[in-house]
Protein backbone atom coordinates (compact mmCIF):
# COMPACT_ATOMS: atom_id res chain seq x y z
CA MET A 1 39.86 163.39 -65.03
CA LYS A 2 41.88 160.23 -65.44
CA ASN A 3 40.79 159.01 -61.99
CA SER A 4 37.14 159.71 -62.68
CA VAL A 5 37.32 157.74 -65.96
CA LYS A 6 39.07 154.87 -64.21
CA THR A 7 36.48 154.98 -61.44
CA ALA A 8 33.62 154.97 -63.94
CA ILE A 9 35.14 152.05 -65.83
CA CYS A 10 35.70 150.13 -62.59
CA LEU A 11 32.12 150.81 -61.48
CA ALA A 12 30.79 149.68 -64.88
CA LEU A 13 32.89 146.50 -64.72
CA ALA A 14 31.76 145.84 -61.16
CA ALA A 15 28.11 146.28 -62.22
CA LEU A 16 28.64 143.86 -65.13
CA MET A 17 30.25 141.34 -62.80
CA LEU A 18 27.34 141.63 -60.37
CA LEU A 19 24.86 141.11 -63.20
CA SER A 20 26.74 138.05 -64.50
CA VAL A 21 27.01 136.55 -61.00
CA SER A 22 23.31 137.18 -60.50
CA ALA A 23 22.51 135.48 -63.81
CA CYS A 24 24.70 132.51 -62.89
CA ALA A 25 22.99 132.21 -59.52
CA LYS A 26 19.59 132.14 -61.22
CA ASN A 27 20.79 129.44 -63.63
CA ASP A 28 22.24 127.40 -60.76
CA GLY A 29 18.96 127.74 -58.89
CA GLY A 30 17.12 126.35 -61.90
CA ALA A 31 19.58 123.46 -62.20
CA THR A 32 19.26 122.69 -58.53
CA THR A 33 15.48 122.60 -58.80
CA SER A 34 15.49 120.26 -61.80
CA SER A 35 17.94 117.86 -60.16
CA SER A 36 16.08 117.77 -56.87
CA PRO A 37 14.66 114.37 -55.85
CA ALA A 38 11.09 115.57 -56.39
CA ALA A 39 11.82 116.60 -59.97
CA GLU A 40 13.71 113.42 -60.89
CA ALA A 41 11.84 110.49 -62.37
CA LYS A 42 10.69 108.14 -59.65
CA GLU A 43 11.89 104.55 -59.62
CA PRO A 44 9.05 102.27 -60.79
CA VAL A 45 7.23 100.41 -58.04
CA ASN A 46 8.31 96.79 -57.69
CA LEU A 47 5.08 94.92 -58.43
CA ASP A 48 6.20 91.76 -56.59
CA ALA A 49 6.85 93.70 -53.39
CA LEU A 50 3.59 95.60 -53.78
CA ILE A 51 1.33 92.57 -54.27
CA VAL A 52 3.08 90.35 -51.71
CA GLY A 53 2.97 93.24 -49.23
CA LEU A 54 -0.78 93.63 -49.73
CA THR A 55 -1.43 89.89 -49.37
CA THR A 56 0.47 89.99 -46.08
CA GLN A 57 -1.24 93.15 -44.86
CA TYR A 58 -4.71 91.80 -45.65
CA GLU A 59 -3.84 88.28 -44.42
CA MET A 60 -4.54 86.62 -47.77
CA THR A 61 -2.78 83.28 -47.40
CA ASP A 62 -4.86 80.64 -49.19
CA GLY A 63 -4.04 81.63 -52.76
CA PHE A 64 -1.07 81.60 -55.08
CA VAL A 65 1.25 84.39 -56.20
CA PHE A 66 2.29 84.36 -59.84
CA SER A 67 5.10 86.68 -60.88
CA SER A 68 7.04 87.51 -64.02
CA SER A 69 10.22 87.53 -61.95
CA SER A 70 9.94 83.81 -61.15
CA THR A 71 11.54 81.11 -63.26
CA GLU A 72 9.93 78.27 -61.29
CA LEU A 73 7.16 76.42 -63.07
CA GLY A 74 3.90 77.11 -61.28
CA GLU A 75 5.11 80.46 -59.92
CA TYR A 76 4.63 82.39 -63.17
CA LEU A 77 1.73 82.52 -65.61
CA ASP A 78 2.46 80.16 -68.48
CA ASP A 79 0.29 80.08 -71.62
CA ASP A 80 -2.16 77.58 -70.12
CA LEU A 81 -2.67 79.63 -66.95
CA ILE A 82 -3.04 82.86 -68.92
CA GLN A 83 -5.65 81.16 -71.09
CA SER A 84 -7.58 79.74 -68.14
CA TYR A 85 -7.46 82.83 -65.89
CA TYR A 86 -7.75 85.72 -68.33
CA GLY A 87 -8.79 84.30 -71.69
CA ASP A 88 -11.27 81.85 -73.13
CA ALA A 89 -11.12 78.98 -75.59
CA SER A 90 -10.17 81.20 -78.51
CA VAL A 91 -8.39 84.32 -77.24
CA LYS A 92 -6.12 85.42 -74.38
CA PRO A 93 -4.17 88.55 -73.44
CA ASP A 94 -0.89 89.26 -75.21
CA PHE A 95 1.70 89.00 -72.42
CA GLY A 96 4.33 90.17 -74.92
CA LYS A 97 2.99 93.67 -74.20
CA ILE A 98 3.52 93.24 -70.45
CA SER A 99 7.02 93.82 -69.04
CA GLU A 100 6.27 92.91 -65.42
CA TYR A 101 3.38 91.45 -63.49
CA CYS A 102 2.46 90.01 -60.14
CA VAL A 103 -0.94 88.54 -59.26
CA TYR A 104 -2.45 86.82 -56.26
CA ILE A 105 -5.23 84.38 -57.11
CA ASP A 106 -7.21 82.58 -54.42
CA GLU A 107 -9.71 80.01 -55.61
CA SER A 108 -9.79 78.07 -52.35
CA SER A 109 -13.47 78.89 -51.98
CA PRO A 110 -15.86 78.12 -54.83
CA TYR A 111 -18.13 80.91 -53.55
CA ILE A 112 -15.82 83.90 -53.73
CA LEU A 113 -13.11 85.00 -56.14
CA THR A 114 -10.22 86.82 -54.48
CA ASP A 115 -7.70 88.30 -56.91
CA VAL A 116 -5.25 91.17 -56.71
CA GLY A 117 -2.89 91.95 -59.54
CA ALA A 118 -0.76 94.51 -61.31
CA PHE A 119 0.64 94.47 -64.85
CA ARG A 120 3.27 96.93 -66.12
CA LEU A 121 2.80 97.47 -69.84
CA THR A 122 5.47 97.90 -72.49
CA ASP A 123 2.73 99.25 -74.75
CA PRO A 124 0.43 101.68 -72.87
CA SER A 125 -2.11 101.53 -75.70
CA TYR A 126 -2.80 97.93 -74.67
CA ALA A 127 -4.25 99.00 -71.29
CA GLU A 128 -7.91 99.02 -72.35
CA THR A 129 -7.65 95.58 -73.97
CA LEU A 130 -5.99 94.07 -70.89
CA MET A 131 -8.61 95.68 -68.65
CA GLN A 132 -11.34 94.05 -70.77
CA PHE A 133 -9.74 90.62 -70.31
CA ILE A 134 -9.56 91.14 -66.54
CA GLN A 135 -13.14 92.40 -66.39
CA GLY A 136 -14.16 89.37 -68.47
CA ARG A 137 -12.79 87.07 -65.74
CA ILE A 138 -14.95 88.86 -63.20
CA ASP A 139 -18.03 88.92 -65.45
CA VAL A 140 -17.87 85.14 -65.99
CA ARG A 141 -17.95 84.66 -62.22
CA ILE A 142 -20.91 87.03 -61.92
CA GLU A 143 -22.78 85.09 -64.63
CA ASN A 144 -22.03 81.81 -62.87
CA GLY A 145 -23.20 83.32 -59.60
CA ALA A 146 -26.63 83.94 -61.10
CA ARG A 147 -27.02 80.16 -61.34
CA TYR A 148 -25.57 79.36 -57.92
CA PRO A 149 -26.96 81.39 -55.04
CA ASP A 150 -24.01 80.58 -52.73
CA ILE A 151 -21.57 82.56 -54.91
CA ASP A 152 -20.96 86.06 -53.53
CA VAL A 153 -21.99 88.12 -56.57
CA ALA A 154 -22.28 91.37 -54.58
CA THR A 155 -18.56 91.27 -53.80
CA LEU A 156 -17.72 90.52 -57.43
CA LYS A 157 -19.73 93.54 -58.55
CA LYS A 158 -17.54 95.75 -56.33
CA ALA A 159 -14.35 94.66 -58.11
CA VAL A 160 -12.04 97.42 -59.31
CA VAL A 161 -10.14 97.30 -62.61
CA ALA A 162 -8.13 100.46 -63.32
CA LYS A 163 -4.81 101.84 -64.45
CA ALA A 164 -2.19 104.18 -63.07
CA GLY A 165 0.50 105.32 -65.48
CA ASP A 166 1.83 102.29 -67.32
CA VAL A 167 0.31 99.79 -64.85
CA VAL A 168 -3.08 98.09 -65.07
CA TYR A 169 -4.24 96.82 -61.67
CA TYR A 170 -7.27 95.10 -60.25
CA ALA A 171 -8.73 93.95 -56.96
CA VAL A 172 -11.54 91.47 -56.39
CA GLY A 173 -12.68 90.23 -53.00
CA TYR A 174 -14.05 91.30 -49.66
CA ASP A 175 -11.70 94.29 -49.37
CA SER A 176 -11.56 95.22 -53.07
CA ALA A 177 -12.08 98.96 -52.49
CA ALA A 178 -9.33 99.13 -49.85
CA LEU A 179 -6.99 96.97 -51.94
CA ALA A 180 -7.61 99.09 -55.05
CA ALA A 181 -6.99 102.28 -53.06
CA ALA A 182 -3.70 100.89 -51.74
CA LEU A 183 -2.66 99.87 -55.25
CA LYS A 184 -3.56 103.29 -56.67
CA ASP A 185 -1.67 105.11 -53.89
CA ALA A 186 1.44 102.99 -54.39
CA LEU A 187 1.40 103.36 -58.17
CA SER A 188 0.61 107.13 -58.29
């Protein structure tokens, strides 16, 4: 009888050990899944690399790149440039709500506006306001085009202003749909 009790106790302990090992394996599997590269937060896209890469890919060479990472005057958007590109005489976007930006602006031709840009927001609730400022830049060109038949208004009307996560982006120009798609893919 003593052996059968010992055997029963050993079998019960072995079953408990198997259950605890099984539970640990399930917990480890969950931990492994949550720490996998797909589950980890992705590193934010470098907006400078993204915009400069697109200007190279689409052979846009006549414009200027303005970036928040630059400290060289004329290579970042100062208050005057912000006012002239995205604002008007009385109001301009609040760049205090933007943590990072990179834009390409080509005004080498008076007949077509070619812009590509991306703005990472510190305050996501500011996205709609910033998008309105960007759309306002495009709308002014469309209004001017009504007075000057040489301005390519059809291209301006195909401009894309959108957002992906905490980034507002836009594309204006001959390849605006392709540029916007590339921006969206990179930012998604």
